[in-house]
PDB file of N, CA and C in Angstrom:
ATOM      1  N   MET A   1     111.338 101.855  98.755  1.00  0.00           N
ATOM      2  CA  MET A   1     110.821 100.747  99.539  1.00  0.00           C
ATOM      3  C   MET A   1     109.345 100.753  99.814  1.00  0.00           C
ATOM      4  N   PRO A   2     108.458  99.740  99.771  1.00  0.00           N
ATOM      5  CA  PRO A   2     107.335  99.836  99.774  1.00  0.00           C
ATOM      6  C   PRO A   2     106.889 100.177 101.094  1.00  0.00           C
ATOM      7  N   ALA A   3     105.560 100.720 101.909  1.00  0.00           N
ATOM      8  CA  ALA A   3     105.259 100.405 103.041  1.00  0.00           C
ATOM      9  C   ALA A   3     104.567  99.427 103.454  1.00  0.00           C
ATOM     10  N   ALA A   4     105.137  99.159 104.626  1.00  0.00           N
ATOM     11  CA  ALA A   4     104.541  97.923 104.917  1.00  0.00           C
ATOM     12  C   ALA A   4     103.025  97.708 105.194  1.00  0.00           C
ATOM     13  N   ALA A   5     102.053  98.829 105.178  1.00  0.00           N
ATOM     14  CA  ALA A   5     100.595  98.782 105.249  1.00  0.00           C
ATOM     15  C   ALA A   5     100.194  98.900 104.054  1.00  0.00           C
ATOM     16  N   ALA A   6     100.623  98.951 103.063  1.00  0.00           N
ATOM     17  CA  ALA A   6     100.434  98.662 101.182  1.00  0.00           C
ATOM     18  C   ALA A   6     100.626  96.979 101.359  1.00  0.00           C
ATOM     19  N   ILE A   7     101.512  96.761 101.688  1.00  0.00           N
ATOM     20  CA  ILE A   7     101.850  95.153 101.513  1.00  0.00           C
ATOM     21  C   ILE A   7     100.975  94.337 102.309  1.00  0.00           C
ATOM     22  N   LEU A   8     100.817  94.502 103.592  1.00  0.00           N
ATOM     23  CA  LEU A   8      99.831  93.860 104.532  1.00  0.00           C
ATOM     24  C   LEU A   8      98.482  93.882 103.832  1.00  0.00           C
ATOM     25  N   ASP A   9      97.988  95.058 103.516  1.00  0.00           N
ATOM     26  CA  ASP A   9      96.706  95.136 102.944  1.00  0.00           C
ATOM     27  C   ASP A   9      96.640  93.933 101.748  1.00  0.00           C
ATOM     28  N   ALA A  10      97.695  94.062 100.800  1.00  0.00           N
ATOM     29  CA  ALA A  10      97.568  93.498  99.665  1.00  0.00           C
ATOM     30  C   ALA A  10      97.854  92.035  99.981  1.00  0.00           C
ATOM     31  N   LEU A  11      98.573  91.517 101.290  1.00  0.00           N
ATOM     32  CA  LEU A  11      98.605  89.968 101.402  1.00  0.00           C
ATOM     33  C   LEU A  11      96.990  89.489 102.595  1.00  0.00           C
ATOM     34  N   GLY A  12      96.130  90.525 102.674  1.00  0.00           N
ATOM     35  CA  GLY A  12      95.222  90.188 103.366  1.00  0.00           C
ATOM     36  C   GLY A  12      94.265  89.536 102.574  1.00  0.00           C
ATOM     37  N   ASP A  13      94.147  89.706 101.154  1.00  0.00           N
ATOM     38  CA  ASP A  13      93.247  88.971 100.445  1.00  0.00           C
ATOM     39  C   ASP A  13      93.515  87.532 100.211  1.00  0.00           C
ATOM     40  N   PRO A  14      92.883  86.373 100.310  1.00  0.00           N
ATOM     41  CA  PRO A  14      93.198  85.205 100.222  1.00  0.00           C
ATOM     42  C   PRO A  14      93.347  84.976  98.232  1.00  0.00           C
ATOM     43  N   THR A  15      92.486  85.465  97.555  1.00  0.00           N
ATOM     44  CA  THR A  15      93.038  85.676  96.396  1.00  0.00           C
ATOM     45  C   THR A  15      94.348  85.821  95.866  1.00  0.00           C
ATOM     46  N   ARG A  16      94.505  87.099  96.423  1.00  0.00           N
ATOM     47  CA  ARG A  16      96.123  87.743  96.025  1.00  0.00           C
ATOM     48  C   ARG A  16      97.012  86.489  96.579  1.00  0.00           C
ATOM     49  N   ARG A  17      96.964  86.104  98.006  1.00  0.00           N
ATOM     50  CA  ARG A  17      97.709  84.960  98.432  1.00  0.00           C
ATOM     51  C   ARG A  17      97.993  83.313  97.512  1.00  0.00           C
ATOM     52  N   SER A  18      96.537  83.363  96.861  1.00  0.00           N
ATOM     53  CA  SER A  18      96.690  82.643  95.811  1.00  0.00           C
ATOM     54  C   SER A  18      97.399  82.418  94.616  1.00  0.00           C
ATOM     55  N   ILE A  19      97.501  83.881  94.398  1.00  0.00           N
ATOM     56  CA  ILE A  19      97.828  84.639  92.728  1.00  0.00           C
ATOM     57  C   ILE A  19      99.766  84.125  93.356  1.00  0.00           C
ATOM     58  N   LEU A  20      99.901  84.525  94.616  1.00  0.00           N
ATOM     59  CA  LEU A  20     101.264  84.592  95.147  1.00  0.00           C
ATOM     60  C   LEU A  20     102.132  82.991  94.810  1.00  0.00           C
ATOM     61  N   GLU A  21     101.304  82.131  95.547  1.00  0.00           N
ATOM     62  CA  GLU A  21     101.416  80.730  95.695  1.00  0.00           C
ATOM     63  C   GLU A  21     101.951  80.394  94.305  1.00  0.00           C
ATOM     64  N   GLU A  22     100.874  80.801  93.042  1.00  0.00           N
ATOM     65  CA  GLU A  22     100.931  80.077  91.970  1.00  0.00           C
ATOM     66  C   GLU A  22     102.247  80.890  91.175  1.00  0.00           C
ATOM     67  N   LEU A  23     102.683  81.775  91.537  1.00  0.00           N
ATOM     68  CA  LEU A  23     103.938  82.383  90.999  1.00  0.00           C
ATOM     69  C   LEU A  23     104.981  82.008  91.598  1.00  0.00           C
ATOM     70  N   GLN A  24     104.937  81.043  92.682  1.00  0.00           N
ATOM     71  CA  GLN A  24     106.269  80.257  93.096  1.00  0.00           C
ATOM     72  C   GLN A  24     106.902  79.831  92.357  1.00  0.00           C
ATOM     73  N   GLY A  25     108.204  80.015  91.870  1.00  0.00           N
ATOM     74  CA  GLY A  25     109.062  79.335  91.025  1.00  0.00           C
ATOM     75  C   GLY A  25     108.508  79.444  89.554  1.00  0.00           C
ATOM     76  N   ALA A  26     107.731  80.107  89.262  1.00  0.00           N
ATOM     77  CA  ALA A  26     107.586  80.291  87.745  1.00  0.00           C
ATOM     78  C   ALA A  26     107.004  81.687  87.505  1.00  0.00           C
ATOM     79  N   SER A  27     107.238  82.186  86.271  1.00  0.00           N
ATOM     80  CA  SER A  27     106.554  83.448  85.950  1.00  0.00           C
ATOM     81  C   SER A  27     105.265  82.997  84.951  1.00  0.00           C
ATOM     82  N   LEU A  28     104.032  83.907  85.173  1.00  0.00           N
ATOM     83  CA  LEU A  28     103.135  83.407  84.274  1.00  0.00           C
ATOM     84  C   LEU A  28     102.083  84.502  83.686  1.00  0.00           C
ATOM     85  N   PRO A  29     101.564  84.219  82.821  1.00  0.00           N
ATOM     86  CA  PRO A  29     100.573  85.396  82.368  1.00  0.00           C
ATOM     87  C   PRO A  29      99.251  85.280  82.764  1.00  0.00           C
ATOM     88  N   VAL A  30      98.711  86.022  82.684  1.00  0.00           N
ATOM     89  CA  VAL A  30      97.619  86.132  83.329  1.00  0.00           C
ATOM     90  C   VAL A  30      96.417  85.030  83.380  1.00  0.00           C
ATOM     91  N   GLY A  31      96.590  85.089  81.427  1.00  0.00           N
ATOM     92  CA  GLY A  31      95.364  83.961  81.257  1.00  0.00           C
ATOM     93  C   GLY A  31      95.825  82.729  81.852  1.00  0.00           C
ATOM     94  N   VAL A  32      96.795  82.148  82.007  1.00  0.00           N
ATOM     95  CA  VAL A  32      97.154  80.892  82.758  1.00  0.00           C
ATOM     96  C   VAL A  32      96.763  81.229  84.475  1.00  0.00           C
ATOM     97  N   LEU A  33      97.284  82.463  85.002  1.00  0.00           N
ATOM     98  CA  LEU A  33      96.607  82.832  85.991  1.00  0.00           C
ATOM     99  C   LEU A  33      95.197  82.482  86.442  1.00  0.00           C
ATOM    100  N   ALA A  34      94.449  82.952  85.310  1.00  0.00           N
ATOM    101  CA  ALA A  34      93.044  82.929  85.522  1.00  0.00           C
ATOM    102  C   ALA A  34      92.591  81.321  85.304  1.00  0.00           C
ATOM    103  N   GLU A  35      93.152  80.289  84.275  1.00  0.00           N
ATOM    104  CA  GLU A  35      93.054  79.324  84.072  1.00  0.00           C
ATOM    105  C   GLU A  35      92.741  78.746  85.714  1.00  0.00           C
ATOM    106  N   ARG A  36      93.751  78.622  86.441  1.00  0.00           N
ATOM    107  CA  ARG A  36      93.974  77.941  87.801  1.00  0.00           C
ATOM    108  C   ARG A  36      93.255  78.397  89.012  1.00  0.00           C
ATOM    109  N   LEU A  37      92.811  79.701  88.866  1.00  0.00           N
ATOM    110  CA  LEU A  37      91.991  80.478  89.555  1.00  0.00           C
ATOM    111  C   LEU A  37      90.320  80.516  89.615  1.00  0.00           C
ATOM    112  N   PRO A  38      89.471  80.529  90.639  1.00  0.00           N
ATOM    113  CA  PRO A  38      88.356  80.300  89.810  1.00  0.00           C
ATOM    114  C   PRO A  38      88.087  81.759  90.257  1.00  0.00           C
ATOM    115  N   ILE A  39      88.089  82.746  89.243  1.00  0.00           N
ATOM    116  CA  ILE A  39      88.143  83.907  89.157  1.00  0.00           C
ATOM    117  C   ILE A  39      88.272  84.488  87.749  1.00  0.00           C
ATOM    118  N   SER A  40      87.723  85.490  87.348  1.00  0.00           N
ATOM    119  CA  SER A  40      87.813  85.909  86.166  1.00  0.00           C
ATOM    120  C   SER A  40      89.201  86.615  85.571  1.00  0.00           C
ATOM    121  N   ARG A  41      89.529  86.469  84.248  1.00  0.00           N
ATOM    122  CA  ARG A  41      90.787  87.264  83.837  1.00  0.00           C
ATOM    123  C   ARG A  41      91.034  88.570  83.899  1.00  0.00           C
ATOM    124  N   PRO A  42      89.424  89.599  83.924  1.00  0.00           N
ATOM    125  CA  PRO A  42      90.058  90.663  85.013  1.00  0.00           C
ATOM    126  C   PRO A  42      90.145  91.188  86.003  1.00  0.00           C
ATOM    127  N   ALA A  43      89.490  90.349  86.774  1.00  0.00           N
ATOM    128  CA  ALA A  43      89.807  89.633  88.255  1.00  0.00           C
ATOM    129  C   ALA A  43      91.264  89.941  88.692  1.00  0.00           C
ATOM    130  N   VAL A  44      91.504  88.860  88.020  1.00  0.00           N
ATOM    131  CA  VAL A  44      93.026  88.295  88.472  1.00  0.00           C
ATOM    132  C   VAL A  44      94.078  89.488  88.242  1.00  0.00           C
ATOM    133  N   SER A  45      93.708  90.377  86.978  1.00  0.00           N
ATOM    134  CA  SER A  45      94.397  91.566  86.280  1.00  0.00           C
ATOM    135  C   SER A  45      94.057  92.586  87.509  1.00  0.00           C
ATOM    136  N   GLN A  46      93.261  92.825  87.747  1.00  0.00           N
ATOM    137  CA  GLN A  46      93.213  93.904  89.048  1.00  0.00           C
ATOM    138  C   GLN A  46      93.995  93.186  90.395  1.00  0.00           C
ATOM    139  N   HIS A  47      93.614  91.888  90.789  1.00  0.00           N
ATOM    140  CA  HIS A  47      94.562  91.815  91.915  1.00  0.00           C
ATOM    141  C   HIS A  47      95.876  92.048  91.463  1.00  0.00           C
ATOM    142  N   LEU A  48      96.485  91.370  90.214  1.00  0.00           N
ATOM    143  CA  LEU A  48      97.850  91.809  89.903  1.00  0.00           C
ATOM    144  C   LEU A  48      98.190  93.054  90.063  1.00  0.00           C
ATOM    145  N   ARG A  49      97.336  93.985  89.826  1.00  0.00           N
ATOM    146  CA  ARG A  49      97.731  95.646  89.993  1.00  0.00           C
ATOM    147  C   ARG A  49      97.778  95.644  91.328  1.00  0.00           C
ATOM    148  N   VAL A  50      97.375  95.245  92.252  1.00  0.00           N
ATOM    149  CA  VAL A  50      97.573  95.699  93.495  1.00  0.00           C
ATOM    150  C   VAL A  50      98.695  95.055  94.008  1.00  0.00           C
ATOM    151  N   LEU A  51      98.871  93.542  93.737  1.00  0.00           N
ATOM    152  CA  LEU A  51     100.254  93.190  93.830  1.00  0.00           C
ATOM    153  C   LEU A  51     101.384  93.789  93.527  1.00  0.00           C
ATOM    154  N   LYS A  52     101.265  94.300  92.102  1.00  0.00           N
ATOM    155  CA  LYS A  52     102.289  95.290  91.900  1.00  0.00           C
ATOM    156  C   LYS A  52     102.610  96.306  92.104  1.00  0.00           C
ATOM    157  N   ASN A  53     101.509  97.069  92.666  1.00  0.00           N
ATOM    158  CA  ASN A  53     101.691  98.408  93.643  1.00  0.00           C
ATOM    159  C   ASN A  53     102.263  98.183  95.163  1.00  0.00           C
ATOM    160  N   ALA A  54     102.176  97.309  95.304  1.00  0.00           N
ATOM    161  CA  ALA A  54     102.683  96.914  96.722  1.00  0.00           C
ATOM    162  C   ALA A  54     104.086  96.121  96.865  1.00  0.00           C
ATOM    163  N   ARG A  55     104.632  95.953  95.345  1.00  0.00           N
ATOM    164  CA  ARG A  55     105.930  95.238  94.907  1.00  0.00           C
ATOM    165  C   ARG A  55     106.147  94.037  95.335  1.00  0.00           C
ATOM    166  N   LEU A  56     105.195  93.411  95.226  1.00  0.00           N
ATOM    167  CA  LEU A  56     105.092  91.837  95.519  1.00  0.00           C
ATOM    168  C   LEU A  56     104.910  91.433  94.407  1.00  0.00           C
ATOM    169  N   VAL A  57     104.924  92.056  93.153  1.00  0.00           N
ATOM    170  CA  VAL A  57     104.845  90.855  91.997  1.00  0.00           C
ATOM    171  C   VAL A  57     105.510  91.807  90.734  1.00  0.00           C
ATOM    172  N   THR A  58     106.500  91.338  89.948  1.00  0.00           N
ATOM    173  CA  THR A  58     106.696  92.349  88.955  1.00  0.00           C
ATOM    174  C   THR A  58     106.382  91.880  87.713  1.00  0.00           C
ATOM    175  N   GLU A  59     106.329  92.554  86.698  1.00  0.00           N
ATOM    176  CA  GLU A  59     106.031  92.309  85.710  1.00  0.00           C
ATOM    177  C   GLU A  59     106.630  92.694  84.059  1.00  0.00           C
ATOM    178  N   THR A  60     106.903  91.255  83.064  1.00  0.00           N
ATOM    179  CA  THR A  60     107.857  91.578  82.236  1.00  0.00           C
ATOM    180  C   THR A  60     106.839  91.311  80.793  1.00  0.00           C
ATOM    181  N   VAL A  61     107.162  92.015  79.796  1.00  0.00           N
ATOM    182  CA  VAL A  61     106.818  91.876  78.755  1.00  0.00           C
ATOM    183  C   VAL A  61     107.504  91.282  77.470  1.00  0.00           C
ATOM    184  N   GLN A  62     106.923  90.073  77.112  1.00  0.00           N
ATOM    185  CA  GLN A  62     107.882  89.412  76.385  1.00  0.00           C
ATOM    186  C   GLN A  62     106.606  89.214  74.904  1.00  0.00           C
ATOM    187  N   GLY A  63     107.213  90.219  74.020  1.00  0.00           N
ATOM    188  CA  GLY A  63     106.174  90.551  72.936  1.00  0.00           C
ATOM    189  C   GLY A  63     104.823  91.110  72.924  1.00  0.00           C
ATOM    190  N   THR A  64     104.021  90.325  72.950  1.00  0.00           N
ATOM    191  CA  THR A  64     102.306  90.369  73.371  1.00  0.00           C
ATOM    192  C   THR A  64     102.121  89.996  74.769  1.00  0.00           C
ATOM    193  N   ARG A  65     102.516  89.066  75.349  1.00  0.00           N
ATOM    194  CA  ARG A  65     102.547  88.453  76.609  1.00  0.00           C
ATOM    195  C   ARG A  65     103.113  89.408  77.771  1.00  0.00           C
ATOM    196  N   HIS A  66     102.212  89.655  78.756  1.00  0.00           N
ATOM    197  CA  HIS A  66     102.873  90.020  80.035  1.00  0.00           C
ATOM    198  C   HIS A  66     102.879  88.920  81.189  1.00  0.00           C
ATOM    199  N   LEU A  67     104.250  88.341  81.290  1.00  0.00           N
ATOM    200  CA  LEU A  67     104.884  87.899  82.542  1.00  0.00           C
ATOM    201  C   LEU A  67     104.831  88.278  83.721  1.00  0.00           C
ATOM    202  N   TYR A  68     104.288  87.776  85.012  1.00  0.00           N
ATOM    203  CA  TYR A  68     104.289  88.108  86.113  1.00  0.00           C
ATOM    204  C   TYR A  68     104.951  86.991  87.435  1.00  0.00           C
ATOM    205  N   SER A  69     105.818  87.633  88.026  1.00  0.00           N
ATOM    206  CA  SER A  69     106.830  86.745  88.830  1.00  0.00           C
ATOM    207  C   SER A  69     107.153  87.438  90.487  1.00  0.00           C
ATOM    208  N   ILE A  70     107.015  86.820  91.380  1.00  0.00           N
ATOM    209  CA  ILE A  70     107.221  87.117  92.457  1.00  0.00           C
ATOM    210  C   ILE A  70     108.335  88.237  92.613  1.00  0.00           C
ATOM    211  N   ASP A  71     108.193  89.308  93.128  1.00  0.00           N
ATOM    212  CA  ASP A  71     108.914  90.327  93.594  1.00  0.00           C
ATOM    213  C   ASP A  71     109.478  90.146  94.771  1.00  0.00           C
ATOM    214  N   PRO A  72     111.012  90.126  95.168  1.00  0.00           N
ATOM    215  CA  PRO A  72     111.240  90.142  96.875  1.00  0.00           C
ATOM    216  C   PRO A  72     111.392  91.340  97.396  1.00  0.00           C
ATOM    217  N   THR A  73     111.043  92.375  96.555  1.00  0.00           N
ATOM    218  CA  THR A  73     111.189  94.181  97.435  1.00  0.00           C
ATOM    219  C   THR A  73     110.236  94.216  98.450  1.00  0.00           C
ATOM    220  N   GLY A  74     109.131  93.744  97.857  1.00  0.00           N
ATOM    221  CA  GLY A  74     108.009  93.863  99.335  1.00  0.00           C
ATOM    222  C   GLY A  74     108.394  93.188 100.224  1.00  0.00           C
ATOM    223  N   PHE A  75     108.415  91.737 100.029  1.00  0.00           N
ATOM    224  CA  PHE A  75     108.770  90.534 101.103  1.00  0.00           C
ATOM    225  C   PHE A  75     109.871  91.214 101.831  1.00  0.00           C
ATOM    226  N   ARG A  76     110.516  91.738 101.400  1.00  0.00           N
ATOM    227  CA  ARG A  76     111.707  92.465 102.457  1.00  0.00           C
ATOM    228  C   ARG A  76     111.173  93.253 103.451  1.00  0.00           C
ATOM    229  N   ALA A  77     110.505  94.342 102.675  1.00  0.00           N
ATOM    230  CA  ALA A  77     110.012  95.235 103.612  1.00  0.00           C
ATOM    231  C   ALA A  77     108.812  94.855 104.505  1.00  0.00           C
ATOM    232  N   VAL A  78     107.876  94.003 104.069  1.00  0.00           N
ATOM    233  CA  VAL A  78     107.249  93.219 104.869  1.00  0.00           C
ATOM    234  C   VAL A  78     107.848  92.525 106.207  1.00  0.00           C
ATOM    235  N   ARG A  79     108.527  91.681 105.986  1.00  0.00           N
ATOM    236  CA  ARG A  79     110.071  91.200 106.974  1.00  0.00           C
ATOM    237  C   ARG A  79     110.549  92.220 108.087  1.00  0.00           C
ATOM    238  N   THR A  80     110.868  93.127 107.127  1.00  0.00           N
ATOM    239  CA  THR A  80     111.921  94.339 108.093  1.00  0.00           C
ATOM    240  C   THR A  80     111.021  94.530 109.099  1.00  0.00           C
ATOM    241  N   TYR A  81     109.536  94.879 108.563  1.00  0.00           N
ATOM    242  CA  TYR A  81     108.482  95.506 109.725  1.00  0.00           C
ATOM    243  C   TYR A  81     107.969  94.341 110.828  1.00  0.00           C
ATOM    244  N   LEU A  82     107.881  93.132 110.123  1.00  0.00           N
ATOM    245  CA  LEU A  82     107.959  92.124 111.101  1.00  0.00           C
ATOM    246  C   LEU A  82     109.028  92.046 112.074  1.00  0.00           C
ATOM    247  N   ASP A  83     110.016  91.809 111.836  1.00  0.00           N
ATOM    248  CA  ASP A  83     111.084  91.610 112.452  1.00  0.00           C
ATOM    249  C   ASP A  83     111.495  92.480 113.513  1.00  0.00           C
ATOM    250  N   ARG A  84     110.921  94.013 113.518  1.00  0.00           N
ATOM    251  CA  ARG A  84     111.278  94.939 114.713  1.00  0.00           C
ATOM    252  C   ARG A  84     110.296  94.204 115.539  1.00  0.00           C
ATOM    253  N   PHE A  85     108.928  94.039 115.640  1.00  0.00           N
ATOM    254  CA  PHE A  85     107.474  93.303 116.598  1.00  0.00           C
ATOM    255  C   PHE A  85     108.860  91.789 117.286  1.00  0.00           C
ATOM    256  N   TRP A  86     109.506  90.844 116.150  1.00  0.00           N
ATOM    257  CA  TRP A  86     110.098  89.868 116.765  1.00  0.00           C
ATOM    258  C   TRP A  86     111.357  90.087 117.750  1.00  0.00           C
ATOM    259  N   ALA A  87     112.255  91.224 117.304  1.00  0.00           N
ATOM    260  CA  ALA A  87     113.392  91.627 118.298  1.00  0.00           C
ATOM    261  C   ALA A  87     113.033  92.337 119.287  1.00  0.00           C
ATOM    262  N   THR A  88     111.709  93.128 119.680  1.00  0.00           N
ATOM    263  CA  THR A  88     111.364  93.431 120.705  1.00  0.00           C
ATOM    264  C   THR A  88     110.702  91.971 121.392  1.00  0.00           C
ATOM    265  N   THR A  89     110.299  91.383 120.884  1.00  0.00           N
ATOM    266  CA  THR A  89     109.518  90.419 121.734  1.00  0.00           C
ATOM    267  C   THR A  89     111.177  89.043 122.416  1.00  0.00           C
ATOM    268  N   LEU A  90     112.133  89.023 121.547  1.00  0.00           N
ATOM    269  CA  LEU A  90     113.154  88.753 122.327  1.00  0.00           C
ATOM    270  C   LEU A  90     113.856  89.094 123.081  1.00  0.00           C
ATOM    271  N   ASP A  91     113.977  90.096 123.256  1.00  0.00           N
ATOM    272  CA  ASP A  91     114.663  91.251 124.318  1.00  0.00           C
ATOM    273  C   ASP A  91     113.864  91.080 125.533  1.00  0.00           C
ATOM    274  N   ASN A  92     112.320  91.134 125.264  1.00  0.00           N
ATOM    275  CA  ASN A  92     112.062  90.957 126.457  1.00  0.00           C
ATOM    276  C   ASN A  92     111.569  89.991 127.100  1.00  0.00           C
ATOM    277  N   PHE A  93     112.249  88.602 126.201  1.00  0.00           N
ATOM    278  CA  PHE A  93     112.225  87.467 127.119  1.00  0.00           C
ATOM    279  C   PHE A  93     113.692  87.571 127.767  1.00  0.00           C
ATOM    280  N   ALA A  94     114.580  87.911 127.000  1.00  0.00           N
ATOM    281  CA  ALA A  94     115.784  87.842 127.354  1.00  0.00           C
ATOM    282  C   ALA A  94     115.796  88.926 128.596  1.00  0.00           C
ATOM    283  N   ALA A  95     115.232  89.773 128.612  1.00  0.00           N
ATOM    284  CA  ALA A  95     115.249  90.466 130.241  1.00  0.00           C
ATOM    285  C   ALA A  95     114.706  89.721 131.272  1.00  0.00           C
ATOM    286  N   LEU A  96     113.751  89.585 130.747  1.00  0.00           N
ATOM    287  CA  LEU A  96     113.035  88.472 131.635  1.00  0.00           C
ATOM    288  C   LEU A  96     113.663  87.250 132.384  1.00  0.00           C
ATOM    289  N   ALA A  97     114.636  86.837 131.420  1.00  0.00           N
ATOM    290  CA  ALA A  97     115.354  85.518 131.623  1.00  0.00           C
ATOM    291  C   ALA A  97     115.933  85.762 132.711  1.00  0.00           C
ATOM    292  N   GLN A  98     116.601  87.246 132.062  1.00  0.00           N
ATOM    293  CA  GLN A  98     117.854  87.790 133.008  1.00  0.00           C
ATOM    294  C   GLN A  98     117.568  87.743 134.317  1.00  0.00           C
ATOM    295  N   ALA A  99     116.396  88.522 134.563  1.00  0.00           N
ATOM    296  CA  ALA A  99     115.902  89.079 135.827  1.00  0.00           C
ATOM    297  C   ALA A  99     115.342  87.507 136.745  1.00  0.00           C
ATOM    298  N   GLU A 100     115.210  86.819 135.852  1.00  0.00           N
ATOM    299  CA  GLU A 100     114.992  85.406 136.317  1.00  0.00           C
ATOM    300  C   GLU A 100     115.768  84.963 137.270  1.00  0.00           C
ATOM    301  N   ALA A 101     117.026  84.760 136.535  1.00  0.00           N
ATOM    302  CA  ALA A 101     118.147  84.373 137.065  1.00  0.00           C
ATOM    303  C   ALA A 101     118.813  84.731 138.086  1.00  0.00           C
ATOM    304  N   GLU A 102     118.579  86.039 137.852  1.00  0.00           N
ATOM    305  CA  GLU A 102     119.446  87.089 139.348  1.00  0.00           C
ATOM    306  C   GLU A 102     118.820  87.119 140.410  1.00  0.00           C
ATOM    307  N   ARG A 103     117.339  86.665 140.546  1.00  0.00           N
ATOM    308  CA  ARG A 103     116.732  86.606 141.382  1.00  0.00           C
ATOM    309  C   ARG A 103     117.055  85.869 142.346  1.00  0.00           C
ATOM    310  N   PRO A 104     117.177  86.443 143.892  1.00  0.00           N
ATOM    311  CA  PRO A 104     117.989  85.089 144.986  1.00  0.00           C
ATOM    312  C   PRO A 104     116.940  84.016 144.950  1.00  0.00           C
ATOM    313  N   ASP A 105     117.255  83.110 145.613  1.00  0.00           N
ATOM    314  CA  ASP A 105     116.393  81.925 145.943  1.00  0.00           C
ATOM    315  C   ASP A 105     115.936  82.581 147.274  1.00  0.00           C
ATOM    316  N   ASP A 106     114.025  81.790 147.311  1.00  0.00           N
ATOM    317  CA  ASP A 106     113.711  82.141 148.464  1.00  0.00           C
ATOM    318  C   ASP A 106     113.647  81.105 149.016  1.00  0.00           C
ATOM    319  N   PRO A 107     114.449  81.192 150.205  1.00  0.00           N
ATOM    320  CA  PRO A 107     114.414  79.452 151.162  1.00  0.00           C
ATOM    321  C   PRO A 107     113.309  79.261 152.041  1.00  0.00           C
ATOM    322  N   THR A 108     112.362  80.340 152.113  1.00  0.00           N
ATOM    323  CA  THR A 108     110.954  79.510 152.261  1.00  0.00           C
ATOM    324  C   THR A 108     110.055  79.115 151.151  1.00  0.00           C
ATOM    325  N   GLN A 109     110.707  79.052 149.948  1.00  0.00           N
ATOM    326  CA  GLN A 109     109.705  77.976 149.126  1.00  0.00           C
ATOM    327  C   GLN A 109     110.440  76.390 148.959  1.00  0.00           C
ATOM    328  N   GLU A 110     111.079  76.444 149.571  1.00  0.00           N
ATOM    329  CA  GLU A 110     111.730  74.740 149.765  1.00  0.00           C
ATOM    330  C   GLU A 110     111.039  74.190 150.673  1.00  0.00           C
TER     331      GLU A 110
END
């Protein structure tokens, strides 16, 4: 499983997020991605390398074409990482709500 820090670093770049948005629902080659984005083909390749290292995209070779698609592995890792914080927040909220419910009513407040 990839490290959450590498994934979050990869997702921190707006161009890489744009690449991921382009890859939703379709495998695409570098050339098509470069046509759709305001950056050069070599720049797209560099961003794809970072996304691939973070396990956010996969590369499939079909003849001379390299197609890139979303890799759910990296997204699962970052979700697991973020879910820890969400679970802690929910646990804290539940404890606070329970303490509030168990607090005796103060007759001087009425």
